């Protein structure tokens, strides 16, 4: 038989493998789910695939969430936290591991630009030291909190609605 011949078993295994590839792009549980979306809201995966988001869409670690002009999006995270993205906002969900019994528990977000309101969920309230929201020039930690952050390349503004935050310049020590 020629070396490029596929036996039925190999063919079945190849088909099964190909069917699993789309699942690997978003392996694991969703970090959250879109509650409301108006206008143009998207998620860009680490592989640069773009998904349009609407109510009911799942969002995953490693995705870059974006809202266009005149667009908004509300996302309920797996621990009950709420992210509200205002128009022209881009945020990266670096890490969203919320098992408070695990040493690996961490919530790491990066507000690249725009404005986001953040309401702490169960994990952030139980282990506030594990939460971090970075902007281009500042790092924000929480203490059971509801706050809005606006970020531009050289400016970060924070409005505290309740609770407390820790705000520090983003440098080699705090990143």
Protein backbone atom coordinates (compact mmCIF):
# COMPACT_ATOMS: atom_id res chain seq x y z
CA UNK A 1 0.00 0.00 0.00
CA UNK A 2 1.18 3.55 -0.66
CA UNK A 3 2.46 5.46 2.36
CA UNK A 4 -0.16 8.20 1.92
CA UNK A 5 -3.03 5.71 2.23
CA UNK A 6 -5.35 6.42 5.18
CA UNK A 7 -6.84 3.41 6.87
CA UNK A 8 -10.46 3.75 8.06
CA UNK A 9 -9.24 4.02 11.67
CA UNK A 10 -6.77 6.78 10.80
CA UNK A 11 -9.43 8.61 8.80
CA UNK A 12 -11.88 8.48 11.72
CA UNK A 13 -9.17 9.72 14.10
CA UNK A 14 -8.29 12.58 11.73
CA UNK A 15 -11.94 13.65 11.40
CA UNK A 16 -12.39 13.53 15.18
CA UNK A 17 -9.29 15.67 15.64
CA UNK A 18 -10.47 18.23 13.09
CA UNK A 19 -13.86 18.48 14.79
CA UNK A 20 -12.15 19.34 18.09
CA UNK A 21 -9.98 22.18 16.74
CA UNK A 22 -12.68 24.92 17.01
CA UNK A 23 -13.27 23.95 20.63
CA UNK A 24 -9.61 24.40 21.53
CA UNK A 25 -9.72 28.10 20.65
CA UNK A 26 -11.94 28.75 23.69
CA UNK A 27 -11.00 25.80 25.86
CA UNK A 28 -12.32 25.89 29.39
CA UNK A 29 -15.26 27.56 30.97
CA UNK A 30 -16.40 31.01 29.89
CA UNK A 31 -15.08 33.89 32.00
CA UNK A 32 -18.48 35.56 31.63
CA UNK A 33 -21.56 36.12 29.51
CA UNK A 34 -22.88 39.21 27.74
CA UNK A 35 -26.06 40.47 29.41
CA UNK A 36 -26.68 43.37 27.03
CA UNK A 37 -25.04 44.70 23.91
CA UNK A 38 -26.02 47.67 21.80
CA UNK A 39 -24.23 48.78 18.67
CA UNK A 40 -21.09 46.97 17.57
CA UNK A 41 -19.40 44.84 20.26
CA UNK A 42 -16.74 42.25 19.45
CA UNK A 43 -14.32 39.80 21.01
CA UNK A 44 -10.93 39.23 19.41
CA UNK A 45 -9.30 35.91 20.33
CA UNK A 46 -5.58 35.36 20.86
CA UNK A 47 -5.55 33.85 17.34
CA UNK A 48 -7.01 37.16 16.00
CA UNK A 49 -10.41 35.65 15.19
CA UNK A 50 -13.21 38.22 15.61
CA UNK A 51 -16.58 37.31 17.10
CA UNK A 52 -19.56 39.67 17.20
CA UNK A 53 -21.10 39.70 20.67
CA UNK A 54 -24.75 39.93 21.64
CA UNK A 55 -26.80 39.08 24.70
CA UNK A 56 -26.05 35.47 25.65
CA UNK A 57 -22.57 35.37 24.05
CA UNK A 58 -19.83 33.86 26.21
CA UNK A 59 -16.49 35.64 26.72
CA UNK A 60 -13.23 33.87 27.55
CA UNK A 61 -9.84 34.46 29.12
CA UNK A 62 -7.37 35.87 26.63
CA UNK A 63 -10.01 37.71 24.61
CA UNK A 64 -9.89 41.41 23.82
CA UNK A 65 -13.40 42.89 24.18
CA UNK A 66 -14.21 45.99 22.14
CA UNK A 67 -17.08 48.41 21.76
CA UNK A 68 -17.34 50.82 18.83
CA UNK A 69 -18.61 54.41 18.89
CA UNK A 70 -22.20 54.62 20.19
CA UNK A 71 -21.93 51.03 21.51
CA UNK A 72 -22.19 49.57 25.01
CA UNK A 73 -21.92 46.15 26.56
CA UNK A 74 -22.66 44.63 29.99
CA UNK A 75 -20.96 41.38 30.95
CA UNK A 76 -21.73 39.25 33.99
CA UNK A 77 -18.57 37.41 34.96
CA UNK A 78 -18.53 33.84 36.33
CA UNK A 79 -18.23 35.07 39.94
CA UNK A 80 -21.11 37.55 39.61
CA UNK A 81 -18.91 40.58 38.89
CA UNK A 82 -20.24 43.07 36.36
CA UNK A 83 -18.24 44.83 33.65
CA UNK A 84 -19.93 47.69 31.81
CA UNK A 85 -18.03 48.76 28.70
CA UNK A 86 -18.80 52.26 27.46
CA UNK A 87 -18.42 53.40 23.81
CA UNK A 88 -14.99 53.09 22.19
CA UNK A 89 -13.57 50.82 24.87
CA UNK A 90 -11.07 47.98 24.60
CA UNK A 91 -10.30 45.65 27.52
CA UNK A 92 -8.23 42.47 27.63
CA UNK A 93 -9.31 39.58 29.87
CA UNK A 94 -5.81 38.32 30.72
CA UNK A 95 -6.88 35.96 33.51
CA UNK A 96 -10.21 35.18 35.14
CA UNK A 97 -9.67 32.32 37.60
CA UNK A 98 -12.14 32.63 40.47
CA UNK A 99 -11.74 29.52 42.63
CA UNK A 100 -11.06 31.26 45.95
CA UNK A 101 -9.65 28.02 47.44
CA UNK A 102 -6.93 27.86 44.79
CA UNK A 103 -3.52 29.51 45.01
CA UNK A 104 -3.94 30.20 41.27
CA UNK A 105 -7.00 32.42 41.82
CA UNK A 106 -6.41 35.65 39.89
CA UNK A 107 -8.40 38.28 38.03
CA UNK A 108 -6.24 40.30 35.65
CA UNK A 109 -7.80 42.83 33.30
CA UNK A 110 -6.13 45.42 31.07
CA UNK A 111 -8.06 48.51 30.03
CA UNK A 112 -6.28 49.48 26.83
CA UNK A 113 -8.46 52.53 26.22
CA UNK A 114 -11.96 53.74 26.90
CA UNK A 115 -14.14 53.50 29.98
CA UNK A 116 -15.33 50.52 32.01
CA UNK A 117 -17.40 50.29 35.18
CA UNK A 118 -16.43 47.38 37.40
CA UNK A 119 -18.53 45.90 40.21
CA UNK A 120 -16.72 43.28 42.25
CA UNK A 121 -18.01 39.73 42.27
CA UNK A 122 -17.69 36.98 44.87
CA UNK A 123 -14.03 36.23 44.07
CA UNK A 124 -12.98 39.88 44.16
CA UNK A 125 -14.76 40.38 47.47
CA UNK A 126 -13.32 37.21 49.01
CA UNK A 127 -9.74 37.80 47.78
CA UNK A 128 -9.36 41.45 46.73
CA UNK A 129 -5.57 41.14 46.59
CA UNK A 130 -5.99 38.77 43.62
CA UNK A 131 -7.73 41.44 41.48
CA UNK A 132 -5.83 43.83 39.20
CA UNK A 133 -7.02 46.24 36.52
CA UNK A 134 -4.12 47.73 34.59
CA UNK A 135 -4.29 50.79 32.33
CA UNK A 136 -1.41 52.10 30.20
CA UNK A 137 -0.11 54.13 33.15
CA UNK A 138 -1.69 52.78 36.36
CA UNK A 139 -2.58 49.62 38.24
CA UNK A 140 -5.82 49.43 40.25
CA UNK A 141 -6.52 47.00 43.08
CA UNK A 142 -9.83 46.69 44.90
CA UNK A 143 -11.34 46.37 48.33
CA UNK A 144 -14.94 45.18 47.62
CA UNK A 145 -15.70 47.81 45.08
CA UNK A 146 -17.82 49.52 42.45
CA UNK A 147 -15.76 51.89 40.33
CA UNK A 148 -15.47 53.34 36.83
CA UNK A 149 -12.12 53.70 35.07
CA UNK A 150 -11.43 55.86 32.04
CA UNK A 151 -8.12 55.36 30.24
CA UNK A 152 -6.20 57.10 27.51
CA UNK A 153 -2.56 56.63 26.56
CA UNK A 154 -1.32 59.19 29.10
CA UNK A 155 -4.25 59.58 31.51
CA UNK A 156 -6.22 57.35 33.89
CA UNK A 157 -9.30 58.60 35.74
CA UNK A 158 -11.16 56.59 38.38
CA UNK A 159 -14.56 57.37 39.89
CA UNK A 160 -15.23 55.38 43.06
CA UNK A 161 -18.93 54.57 43.58
CA UNK A 162 -18.49 52.42 46.72
CA UNK A 163 -15.79 50.47 48.56
CA UNK A 164 -12.12 51.34 48.23
CA UNK A 165 -9.38 51.04 45.63
CA UNK A 166 -5.60 51.16 45.57
CA UNK A 167 -4.19 53.13 42.64
CA UNK A 168 -0.48 53.02 41.80
CA UNK A 169 1.66 54.08 38.85
CA UNK A 170 2.31 51.21 36.44
CA UNK A 171 6.04 50.51 36.47
CA UNK A 172 8.44 47.58 36.82
CA UNK A 173 7.46 47.08 40.47
CA UNK A 174 3.70 47.26 39.91
CA UNK A 175 2.66 45.60 36.65
